[in-house]
PDB file of all heavy atoms in Angstrom:
ATOM      1  N   SER A   1     214.394 165.464  83.098  1.00  0.00           N
ATOM      2  CA  SER A   1     213.811 165.766  84.442  1.00  0.00           C
ATOM      3  C   SER A   1     214.896 165.816  85.379  1.00  0.00           C
ATOM      4  O   SER A   1     216.086 165.474  84.905  1.00  0.00           O
ATOM      5  CB  SER A   1     212.796 164.573  84.869  1.00  0.00           C
ATOM      6  OG  SER A   1     213.567 163.370  84.901  1.00  0.00           O
ATOM      7  N   ARG A   2     214.672 166.366  86.547  1.00  0.00           N
ATOM      8  CA  ARG A   2     215.711 166.492  87.494  1.00  0.00           C
ATOM      9  C   ARG A   2     215.147 166.187  88.881  1.00  0.00           C
ATOM     10  O   ARG A   2     214.008 166.345  89.231  1.00  0.00           O
ATOM     11  CB  ARG A   2     216.335 167.954  87.563  1.00  0.00           C
ATOM     12  CG  ARG A   2     215.367 169.057  87.716  1.00  0.00           C
ATOM     13  CD  ARG A   2     215.989 170.436  87.537  1.00  0.00           C
ATOM     14  NE  ARG A   2     217.209 170.628  88.209  1.00  0.00           N
ATOM     15  CZ  ARG A   2     218.097 171.568  87.848  1.00  0.00           C
ATOM     16  NH1 ARG A   2     217.826 172.371  86.846  1.00  0.00           N
ATOM     17  NH2 ARG A   2     219.192 171.726  88.669  1.00  0.00           N
ATOM     18  N   ASP A   3     216.081 165.735  89.661  1.00  0.00           N
ATOM     19  CA  ASP A   3     215.774 165.380  91.078  1.00  0.00           C
ATOM     20  C   ASP A   3     216.839 166.141  91.878  1.00  0.00           C
ATOM     21  O   ASP A   3     217.997 165.815  92.001  1.00  0.00           O
ATOM     22  CB  ASP A   3     215.878 163.882  91.388  1.00  0.00           C
ATOM     23  CG  ASP A   3     215.491 163.661  92.882  1.00  0.00           C
ATOM     24  OD1 ASP A   3     215.599 164.432  93.637  1.00  0.00           O
ATOM     25  OD2 ASP A   3     215.097 162.388  92.962  1.00  0.00           O
ATOM     26  N   ASN A   4     216.401 167.392  92.427  1.00  0.00           N
ATOM     27  CA  ASN A   4     217.412 168.249  92.995  1.00  0.00           C
ATOM     28  C   ASN A   4     217.801 167.642  94.403  1.00  0.00           C
ATOM     29  O   ASN A   4     219.041 167.976  94.800  1.00  0.00           O
ATOM     30  CB  ASN A   4     216.781 169.657  93.292  1.00  0.00           C
ATOM     31  CG  ASN A   4     216.547 170.421  92.069  1.00  0.00           C
ATOM     32  OD1 ASN A   4     217.391 170.231  91.071  1.00  0.00           O
ATOM     33  ND2 ASN A   4     215.576 171.224  91.925  1.00  0.00           N
ATOM     34  N   ALA A   5     217.136 166.833  95.002  1.00  0.00           N
ATOM     35  CA  ALA A   5     217.555 166.192  96.246  1.00  0.00           C
ATOM     36  C   ALA A   5     218.568 165.177  96.018  1.00  0.00           C
ATOM     37  O   ALA A   5     219.463 164.833  96.851  1.00  0.00           O
ATOM     38  CB  ALA A   5     216.370 165.348  96.938  1.00  0.00           C
ATOM     39  N   LYS A   6     218.713 164.643  94.947  1.00  0.00           N
ATOM     40  CA  LYS A   6     219.764 163.731  94.476  1.00  0.00           C
ATOM     41  C   LYS A   6     220.773 164.325  93.522  1.00  0.00           C
ATOM     42  O   LYS A   6     221.744 163.623  93.148  1.00  0.00           O
ATOM     43  CB  LYS A   6     219.132 162.527  93.790  1.00  0.00           C
ATOM     44  CG  LYS A   6     218.246 161.730  94.747  1.00  0.00           C
ATOM     45  CD  LYS A   6     217.563 160.509  93.856  1.00  0.00           C
ATOM     46  CE  LYS A   6     216.733 159.642  94.682  1.00  0.00           C
ATOM     47  NZ  LYS A   6     216.260 158.459  94.020  1.00  0.00           N
ATOM     48  N   ASN A   7     220.826 165.603  93.296  1.00  0.00           N
ATOM     49  CA  ASN A   7     221.694 166.277  92.371  1.00  0.00           C
ATOM     50  C   ASN A   7     221.902 165.533  91.124  1.00  0.00           C
ATOM     51  O   ASN A   7     222.960 165.349  90.534  1.00  0.00           O
ATOM     52  CB  ASN A   7     223.051 166.414  93.194  1.00  0.00           C
ATOM     53  CG  ASN A   7     223.130 167.564  94.078  1.00  0.00           C
ATOM     54  OD1 ASN A   7     222.275 168.194  94.484  1.00  0.00           O
ATOM     55  ND2 ASN A   7     224.463 167.936  94.399  1.00  0.00           N
ATOM     56  N   THR A   8     220.804 165.125  90.550  1.00  0.00           N
ATOM     57  CA  THR A   8     220.710 164.376  89.298  1.00  0.00           C
ATOM     58  C   THR A   8     219.671 164.801  88.253  1.00  0.00           C
ATOM     59  O   THR A   8     218.623 165.238  88.724  1.00  0.00           O
ATOM     60  CB  THR A   8     220.415 162.936  89.705  1.00  0.00           C
ATOM     61  OG1 THR A   8     221.420 162.438  90.562  1.00  0.00           O
ATOM     62  CG2 THR A   8     220.554 161.960  88.357  1.00  0.00           C
ATOM     63  N   VAL A   9     220.198 164.799  87.000  1.00  0.00           N
ATOM     64  CA  VAL A   9     219.351 165.055  85.893  1.00  0.00           C
ATOM     65  C   VAL A   9     219.178 163.892  85.168  1.00  0.00           C
ATOM     66  O   VAL A   9     220.209 163.235  85.014  1.00  0.00           O
ATOM     67  CB  VAL A   9     219.681 166.295  85.127  1.00  0.00           C
ATOM     68  CG1 VAL A   9     221.119 166.122  84.570  1.00  0.00           C
ATOM     69  CG2 VAL A   9     218.702 166.714  84.150  1.00  0.00           C
ATOM     70  N   TYR A  10     218.020 163.609  84.524  1.00  0.00           N
ATOM     71  CA  TYR A  10     217.773 162.381  83.735  1.00  0.00           C
ATOM     72  C   TYR A  10     217.375 162.673  82.322  1.00  0.00           C
ATOM     73  O   TYR A  10     216.794 163.833  82.094  1.00  0.00           O
ATOM     74  CB  TYR A  10     216.659 161.633  84.354  1.00  0.00           C
ATOM     75  CG  TYR A  10     216.994 161.217  85.801  1.00  0.00           C
ATOM     76  CD1 TYR A  10     216.402 161.920  86.876  1.00  0.00           C
ATOM     77  CD2 TYR A  10     217.735 160.135  86.209  1.00  0.00           C
ATOM     78  CE1 TYR A  10     216.650 161.563  88.175  1.00  0.00           C
ATOM     79  CE2 TYR A  10     217.915 159.809  87.484  1.00  0.00           C
ATOM     80  CZ  TYR A  10     217.338 160.619  88.404  1.00  0.00           C
ATOM     81  OH  TYR A  10     217.625 160.318  89.832  1.00  0.00           O
ATOM     82  N   LEU A  11     217.647 161.849  81.461  1.00  0.00           N
ATOM     83  CA  LEU A  11     217.027 161.916  80.092  1.00  0.00           C
ATOM     84  C   LEU A  11     216.420 160.502  79.759  1.00  0.00           C
ATOM     85  O   LEU A  11     217.169 159.543  79.576  1.00  0.00           O
ATOM     86  CB  LEU A  11     218.162 162.218  79.082  1.00  0.00           C
ATOM     87  CG  LEU A  11     217.683 162.495  77.647  1.00  0.00           C
ATOM     88  CD1 LEU A  11     216.788 163.735  77.567  1.00  0.00           C
ATOM     89  CD2 LEU A  11     218.854 162.574  76.625  1.00  0.00           C
ATOM     90  N   GLN A  12     215.123 160.428  79.739  1.00  0.00           N
ATOM     91  CA  GLN A  12     214.441 159.261  79.458  1.00  0.00           C
ATOM     92  C   GLN A  12     214.286 159.290  77.875  1.00  0.00           C
ATOM     93  O   GLN A  12     213.690 160.100  77.349  1.00  0.00           O
ATOM     94  CB  GLN A  12     213.099 159.220  80.153  1.00  0.00           C
ATOM     95  CG  GLN A  12     212.246 158.010  79.689  1.00  0.00           C
ATOM     96  CD  GLN A  12     212.791 156.713  80.121  1.00  0.00           C
ATOM     97  OE1 GLN A  12     213.207 156.590  81.264  1.00  0.00           O
ATOM     98  NE2 GLN A  12     212.827 155.744  79.268  1.00  0.00           N
ATOM     99  N   MET A  13     214.781 158.171  77.193  1.00  0.00           N
ATOM    100  CA  MET A  13     214.742 158.202  75.864  1.00  0.00           C
ATOM    101  C   MET A  13     213.943 157.013  75.390  1.00  0.00           C
ATOM    102  O   MET A  13     214.264 155.837  75.721  1.00  0.00           O
ATOM    103  CB  MET A  13     216.182 158.072  75.284  1.00  0.00           C
ATOM    104  CG  MET A  13     217.185 159.216  75.694  1.00  0.00           C
ATOM    105  SD  MET A  13     218.777 159.127  75.027  1.00  0.00           S
ATOM    106  CE  MET A  13     219.349 157.566  75.536  1.00  0.00           C
ATOM    107  N   ASN A  14     212.844 157.217  74.675  1.00  0.00           N
ATOM    108  CA  ASN A  14     211.956 156.169  74.208  1.00  0.00           C
ATOM    109  C   ASN A  14     211.948 156.242  72.699  1.00  0.00           C
ATOM    110  O   ASN A  14     212.315 157.161  72.037  1.00  0.00           O
ATOM    111  CB  ASN A  14     210.602 156.327  74.727  1.00  0.00           C
ATOM    112  CG  ASN A  14     210.387 156.355  76.158  1.00  0.00           C
ATOM    113  OD1 ASN A  14     211.228 155.586  76.833  1.00  0.00           O
ATOM    114  ND2 ASN A  14     209.588 157.069  76.690  1.00  0.00           N
ATOM    115  N   SER A  15     211.439 155.139  72.059  1.00  0.00           N
ATOM    116  CA  SER A  15     211.301 155.012  70.614  1.00  0.00           C
ATOM    117  C   SER A  15     212.648 155.409  69.987  1.00  0.00           C
ATOM    118  O   SER A  15     212.533 156.189  69.014  1.00  0.00           O
ATOM    119  CB  SER A  15     210.131 155.860  70.098  1.00  0.00           C
ATOM    120  OG  SER A  15     208.850 155.521  70.694  1.00  0.00           O
ATOM    121  N   LEU A  16     213.689 154.824  70.381  1.00  0.00           N
ATOM    122  CA  LEU A  16     215.017 155.152  69.905  1.00  0.00           C
ATOM    123  C   LEU A  16     215.218 154.903  68.325  1.00  0.00           C
ATOM    124  O   LEU A  16     214.580 153.757  67.956  1.00  0.00           O
ATOM    125  CB  LEU A  16     216.101 154.680  70.712  1.00  0.00           C
ATOM    126  CG  LEU A  16     216.252 155.241  72.139  1.00  0.00           C
ATOM    127  CD1 LEU A  16     217.101 154.402  73.037  1.00  0.00           C
ATOM    128  CD2 LEU A  16     217.135 156.522  71.874  1.00  0.00           C
ATOM    129  N   LYS A  17     215.955 155.615  67.701  1.00  0.00           N
ATOM    130  CA  LYS A  17     216.195 155.415  66.324  1.00  0.00           C
ATOM    131  C   LYS A  17     217.658 155.334  66.079  1.00  0.00           C
ATOM    132  O   LYS A  17     218.511 155.828  66.893  1.00  0.00           O
ATOM    133  CB  LYS A  17     215.582 156.610  65.565  1.00  0.00           C
ATOM    134  CG  LYS A  17     214.191 156.908  65.740  1.00  0.00           C
ATOM    135  CD  LYS A  17     213.764 158.133  64.928  1.00  0.00           C
ATOM    136  CE  LYS A  17     212.313 158.517  65.201  1.00  0.00           C
ATOM    137  NZ  LYS A  17     211.886 159.696  64.379  1.00  0.00           N
ATOM    138  N   PRO A  18     218.115 154.654  65.092  1.00  0.00           N
ATOM    139  CA  PRO A  18     219.575 154.573  64.763  1.00  0.00           C
ATOM    140  C   PRO A  18     220.199 156.082  64.685  1.00  0.00           C
ATOM    141  O   PRO A  18     221.359 156.097  65.042  1.00  0.00           O
ATOM    142  CB  PRO A  18     219.635 153.937  63.373  1.00  0.00           C
ATOM    143  CG  PRO A  18     218.359 152.960  63.321  1.00  0.00           C
ATOM    144  CD  PRO A  18     217.335 153.844  64.204  1.00  0.00           C
ATOM    145  N   GLU A  19     219.453 156.957  64.294  1.00  0.00           N
ATOM    146  CA  GLU A  19     220.025 158.279  64.112  1.00  0.00           C
ATOM    147  C   GLU A  19     220.271 158.961  65.496  1.00  0.00           C
ATOM    148  O   GLU A  19     220.771 160.011  65.619  1.00  0.00           O
ATOM    149  CB  GLU A  19     219.237 159.255  63.211  1.00  0.00           C
ATOM    150  CG  GLU A  19     217.787 159.209  63.583  1.00  0.00           C
ATOM    151  CD  GLU A  19     216.987 158.350  62.734  1.00  0.00           C
ATOM    152  OE1 GLU A  19     217.352 157.206  62.465  1.00  0.00           O
ATOM    153  OE2 GLU A  19     215.888 158.719  62.118  1.00  0.00           O
ATOM    154  N   ASP A  20     219.723 158.272  66.550  1.00  0.00           N
ATOM    155  CA  ASP A  20     220.021 158.805  67.831  1.00  0.00           C
ATOM    156  C   ASP A  20     221.470 158.380  68.393  1.00  0.00           C
ATOM    157  O   ASP A  20     221.830 158.786  69.503  1.00  0.00           O
ATOM    158  CB  ASP A  20     218.964 158.286  68.884  1.00  0.00           C
ATOM    159  CG  ASP A  20     217.640 158.993  68.613  1.00  0.00           C
ATOM    160  OD1 ASP A  20     217.519 160.103  68.265  1.00  0.00           O
ATOM    161  OD2 ASP A  20     216.590 158.174  68.661  1.00  0.00           O
ATOM    162  N   THR A  21     222.104 157.577  67.674  1.00  0.00           N
ATOM    163  CA  THR A  21     223.379 157.044  68.075  1.00  0.00           C
ATOM    164  C   THR A  21     224.421 158.238  68.173  1.00  0.00           C
ATOM    165  O   THR A  21     224.591 158.993  67.267  1.00  0.00           O
ATOM    166  CB  THR A  21     223.876 156.047  67.156  1.00  0.00           C
ATOM    167  OG1 THR A  21     223.128 154.857  67.075  1.00  0.00           O
ATOM    168  CG2 THR A  21     225.369 155.607  67.367  1.00  0.00           C
ATOM    169  N   ALA A  22     224.916 158.291  69.439  1.00  0.00           N
ATOM    170  CA  ALA A  22     225.926 159.379  69.639  1.00  0.00           C
ATOM    171  C   ALA A  22     226.495 159.256  71.101  1.00  0.00           C
ATOM    172  O   ALA A  22     226.015 158.440  71.826  1.00  0.00           O
ATOM    173  CB  ALA A  22     225.175 160.755  69.614  1.00  0.00           C
ATOM    174  N   VAL A  23     227.524 160.122  71.423  1.00  0.00           N
ATOM    175  CA  VAL A  23     227.833 160.148  72.764  1.00  0.00           C
ATOM    176  C   VAL A  23     227.077 161.309  73.268  1.00  0.00           C
ATOM    177  O   VAL A  23     226.963 162.474  72.827  1.00  0.00           O
ATOM    178  CB  VAL A  23     229.400 160.577  72.930  1.00  0.00           C
ATOM    179  CG1 VAL A  23     229.831 160.818  74.370  1.00  0.00           C
ATOM    180  CG2 VAL A  23     230.277 159.446  72.242  1.00  0.00           C
ATOM    181  N   TYR A  24     226.410 161.121  74.516  1.00  0.00           N
ATOM    182  CA  TYR A  24     225.524 162.056  75.128  1.00  0.00           C
ATOM    183  C   TYR A  24     226.281 162.697  76.361  1.00  0.00           C
ATOM    184  O   TYR A  24     226.945 161.976  77.110  1.00  0.00           O
ATOM    185  CB  TYR A  24     224.227 161.319  75.567  1.00  0.00           C
ATOM    186  CG  TYR A  24     223.247 161.122  74.431  1.00  0.00           C
ATOM    187  CD1 TYR A  24     223.549 160.035  73.437  1.00  0.00           C
ATOM    188  CD2 TYR A  24     222.109 161.834  74.306  1.00  0.00           C
ATOM    189  CE1 TYR A  24     222.664 159.894  72.338  1.00  0.00           C
ATOM    190  CE2 TYR A  24     221.202 161.565  73.270  1.00  0.00           C
ATOM    191  CZ  TYR A  24     221.536 160.527  72.367  1.00  0.00           C
ATOM    192  OH  TYR A  24     220.730 160.292  71.271  1.00  0.00           O
ATOM    193  N   TYR A  25     226.103 163.969  76.336  1.00  0.00           N
ATOM    194  CA  TYR A  25     226.787 164.759  77.438  1.00  0.00           C
ATOM    195  C   TYR A  25     225.719 165.589  78.246  1.00  0.00           C
ATOM    196  O   TYR A  25     224.757 166.121  77.601  1.00  0.00           O
ATOM    197  CB  TYR A  25     227.767 165.866  76.800  1.00  0.00           C
ATOM    198  CG  TYR A  25     228.877 165.100  76.022  1.00  0.00           C
ATOM    199  CD1 TYR A  25     228.742 164.827  74.733  1.00  0.00           C
ATOM    200  CD2 TYR A  25     230.057 164.891  76.611  1.00  0.00           C
ATOM    201  CE1 TYR A  25     229.803 164.314  73.860  1.00  0.00           C
ATOM    202  CE2 TYR A  25     231.226 164.321  75.887  1.00  0.00           C
ATOM    203  CZ  TYR A  25     230.920 164.069  74.499  1.00  0.00           C
ATOM    204  OH  TYR A  25     231.981 163.542  73.833  1.00  0.00           O
ATOM    205  N   CYS A  26     225.931 165.733  79.516  1.00  0.00           N
ATOM    206  CA  CYS A  26     225.127 166.774  80.274  1.00  0.00           C
ATOM    207  C   CYS A  26     226.200 167.922  80.588  1.00  0.00           C
ATOM    208  O   CYS A  26     227.324 167.756  80.573  1.00  0.00           O
ATOM    209  CB  CYS A  26     224.625 166.153  81.515  1.00  0.00           C
ATOM    210  SG  CYS A  26     225.736 165.636  82.828  1.00  0.00           S
ATOM    211  N   ALA A  27     225.436 169.090  80.813  1.00  0.00           N
ATOM    212  CA  ALA A  27     226.223 170.206  81.031  1.00  0.00           C
ATOM    213  C   ALA A  27     225.392 171.208  81.940  1.00  0.00           C
ATOM    214  O   ALA A  27     224.250 171.106  81.930  1.00  0.00           O
ATOM    215  CB  ALA A  27     226.539 170.931  79.720  1.00  0.00           C
ATOM    216  N   THR A  28     226.113 172.132  82.616  1.00  0.00           N
ATOM    217  CA  THR A  28     225.435 173.133  83.458  1.00  0.00           C
ATOM    218  C   THR A  28     225.466 174.483  82.894  1.00  0.00           C
ATOM    219  O   THR A  28     226.636 174.732  82.267  1.00  0.00           O
ATOM    220  CB  THR A  28     226.070 173.117  84.845  1.00  0.00           C
ATOM    221  OG1 THR A  28     227.361 173.546  84.755  1.00  0.00           O
ATOM    222  CG2 THR A  28     225.981 171.790  85.475  1.00  0.00           C
ATOM    223  N   GLN A  29     224.500 175.292  83.072  1.00  0.00           N
ATOM    224  CA  GLN A  29     224.469 176.727  83.040  1.00  0.00           C
ATOM    225  C   GLN A  29     224.420 177.354  84.304  1.00  0.00           C
ATOM    226  O   GLN A  29     223.325 177.373  85.037  1.00  0.00           O
ATOM    227  CB  GLN A  29     223.368 177.148  82.184  1.00  0.00           C
ATOM    228  CG  GLN A  29     223.459 177.135  80.639  1.00  0.00           C
ATOM    229  CD  GLN A  29     222.437 177.948  79.922  1.00  0.00           C
ATOM    230  OE1 GLN A  29     221.240 177.912  80.405  1.00  0.00           O
ATOM    231  NE2 GLN A  29     222.646 178.338  78.724  1.00  0.00           N
ATOM    232  N   SER A  30     225.535 177.797  84.942  1.00  0.00           N
ATOM    233  CA  SER A  30     225.471 178.439  86.157  1.00  0.00           C
ATOM    234  C   SER A  30     224.781 179.715  86.343  1.00  0.00           C
ATOM    235  O   SER A  30     224.132 180.159  87.351  1.00  0.00           O
ATOM    236  CB  SER A  30     226.884 178.521  86.848  1.00  0.00           C
ATOM    237  OG  SER A  30     227.669 179.359  85.960  1.00  0.00           O
TER     238      SER A  30
END
């Protein structure tokens, strides 16, 4: 999800699994 008023994008992660272990990055497509 994103909140443009706050210039922020979110990633809500539920039911996490060990295979979700990683470094997470956000990125833009201008």
